């Protein structure tokens, strides 16, 4: 399995459930953002350690260590450009709103 994640990269958890685990293991939550702390090999592939989740050391099938989370449970966080909500408003409506926001000129009284 190829891994394109790097240390310090922001990722999103796309796995709704992580299956049976020992009760002391904290797992990533679906749709939450995490930061990659380390990319590590494990028994059946490549796993991630995350800055936001630090589990203790435990005994596992493939040895003793901190549990990691399979890279297939994450996707890179996409930076999105700012959205132009004005583009959604019909031009006539946008003009009406702009006129309402313009300062009202006061007439001089003499």
Protein backbone atom coordinates (compact mmCIF):
# COMPACT_ATOMS: atom_id res chain seq x y z
CA UNK A 1 0.00 0.00 0.00
CA UNK A 2 1.42 3.38 -1.01
CA UNK A 3 1.27 6.25 1.47
CA UNK A 4 1.39 9.88 0.41
CA UNK A 5 0.83 11.37 3.88
CA UNK A 6 3.64 13.37 5.48
CA UNK A 7 4.46 14.43 9.03
CA UNK A 8 2.66 17.68 9.86
CA UNK A 9 -0.02 17.20 7.20
CA UNK A 10 -3.68 17.80 8.12
CA UNK A 11 -5.97 14.83 7.41
CA UNK A 12 -9.67 14.06 7.83
CA UNK A 13 -10.94 10.79 9.27
CA UNK A 14 -13.23 9.13 6.70
CA UNK A 15 -13.81 5.88 8.57
CA UNK A 16 -17.09 5.84 10.56
CA UNK A 17 -15.91 3.02 12.87
CA UNK A 18 -12.56 1.45 13.67
CA UNK A 19 -13.82 -1.99 14.67
CA UNK A 20 -13.11 -3.88 17.89
CA UNK A 21 -10.20 -2.52 19.92
CA UNK A 22 -8.99 -2.69 23.47
CA UNK A 23 -11.03 -0.30 25.61
CA UNK A 24 -8.08 1.96 26.53
CA UNK A 25 -7.31 2.84 22.89
CA UNK A 26 -8.56 6.25 21.76
CA UNK A 27 -9.56 6.22 18.09
CA UNK A 28 -10.07 8.98 15.50
CA UNK A 29 -13.61 10.25 15.10
CA UNK A 30 -15.38 10.35 11.74
CA UNK A 31 -15.12 13.73 9.91
CA UNK A 32 -12.64 15.17 12.45
CA UNK A 33 -9.37 16.83 11.40
CA UNK A 34 -6.04 15.51 12.69
CA UNK A 35 -2.34 16.24 12.19
CA UNK A 36 0.03 13.43 11.16
CA UNK A 37 2.66 12.92 13.88
CA UNK A 38 4.37 9.93 12.26
CA UNK A 39 3.88 7.45 9.41
CA UNK A 40 4.59 3.92 10.71
CA UNK A 41 4.55 0.37 9.31
CA UNK A 42 2.37 -2.18 11.04
CA UNK A 43 1.31 -5.80 10.54
CA UNK A 44 -0.84 -5.36 7.42
CA UNK A 45 0.16 -2.00 6.00
CA UNK A 46 0.97 1.57 6.91
CA UNK A 47 -0.46 3.43 9.87
CA UNK A 48 -0.56 6.96 11.22
CA UNK A 49 0.16 8.36 14.64
CA UNK A 50 -1.72 11.60 15.19
CA UNK A 51 -0.77 14.66 17.25
CA UNK A 52 -4.27 14.86 18.69
CA UNK A 53 -4.38 11.20 19.83
CA UNK A 54 -1.56 9.75 21.92
CA UNK A 55 -2.22 6.25 23.16
CA UNK A 56 0.05 4.37 25.52
CA UNK A 57 2.18 1.39 24.68
CA UNK A 58 0.40 -1.94 24.34
CA UNK A 59 0.95 -5.57 23.34
CA UNK A 60 -0.35 -6.35 19.84
CA UNK A 61 -0.13 -9.23 17.37
CA UNK A 62 2.80 -7.56 15.60
CA UNK A 63 4.65 -6.55 18.77
CA UNK A 64 4.71 -3.94 21.50
CA UNK A 65 4.11 -0.28 20.68
CA UNK A 66 1.64 2.55 20.32
CA UNK A 67 -1.40 1.66 18.20
CA UNK A 68 -1.56 3.33 14.80
CA UNK A 69 -4.47 3.91 12.42
CA UNK A 70 -4.56 2.57 8.85
CA UNK A 71 -3.95 5.24 6.21
CA UNK A 72 -7.08 4.09 4.33
CA UNK A 73 -9.15 5.68 7.12
CA UNK A 74 -8.00 9.20 6.18
CA UNK A 75 -7.92 11.65 3.31
CA UNK A 76 -5.87 14.84 2.99
CA UNK A 77 -7.57 18.01 4.20
CA UNK A 78 -8.33 20.20 1.19
CA UNK A 79 -7.76 23.92 1.53
CA UNK A 80 -10.66 25.60 -0.18
CA UNK A 81 -10.65 29.15 -1.55
CA UNK A 82 -13.01 31.70 -0.02
CA UNK A 83 -16.47 31.38 -1.54
CA UNK A 84 -18.09 34.37 -3.23
CA UNK A 85 -21.66 34.31 -1.90
CA UNK A 86 -22.50 37.43 -3.91
CA UNK A 87 -22.18 35.32 -7.05
CA UNK A 88 -25.24 33.35 -5.91
CA UNK A 89 -27.47 36.40 -5.68
CA UNK A 90 -29.33 37.52 -8.80
CA UNK A 91 -27.81 40.78 -10.15
CA UNK A 92 -31.03 42.79 -9.63
CA UNK A 93 -31.28 41.61 -6.03
CA UNK A 94 -27.62 42.43 -5.45
CA UNK A 95 -28.14 45.98 -6.75
CA UNK A 96 -31.16 46.42 -4.45
CA UNK A 97 -29.15 45.29 -1.44
CA UNK A 98 -26.24 47.58 -2.33
CA UNK A 99 -28.60 50.57 -2.61
CA UNK A 100 -29.98 49.79 0.85
CA UNK A 101 -26.50 49.75 2.26
CA UNK A 102 -25.42 53.05 0.72
CA UNK A 103 -25.31 55.98 3.16
CA UNK A 104 -28.26 58.32 2.92
CA UNK A 105 -27.30 61.88 2.02
CA UNK A 106 -28.87 64.46 4.26
CA UNK A 107 -30.42 67.54 2.60
CA UNK A 108 -29.25 70.90 3.86
CA UNK A 109 -31.94 73.08 5.41
CA UNK A 110 -31.53 76.84 5.17
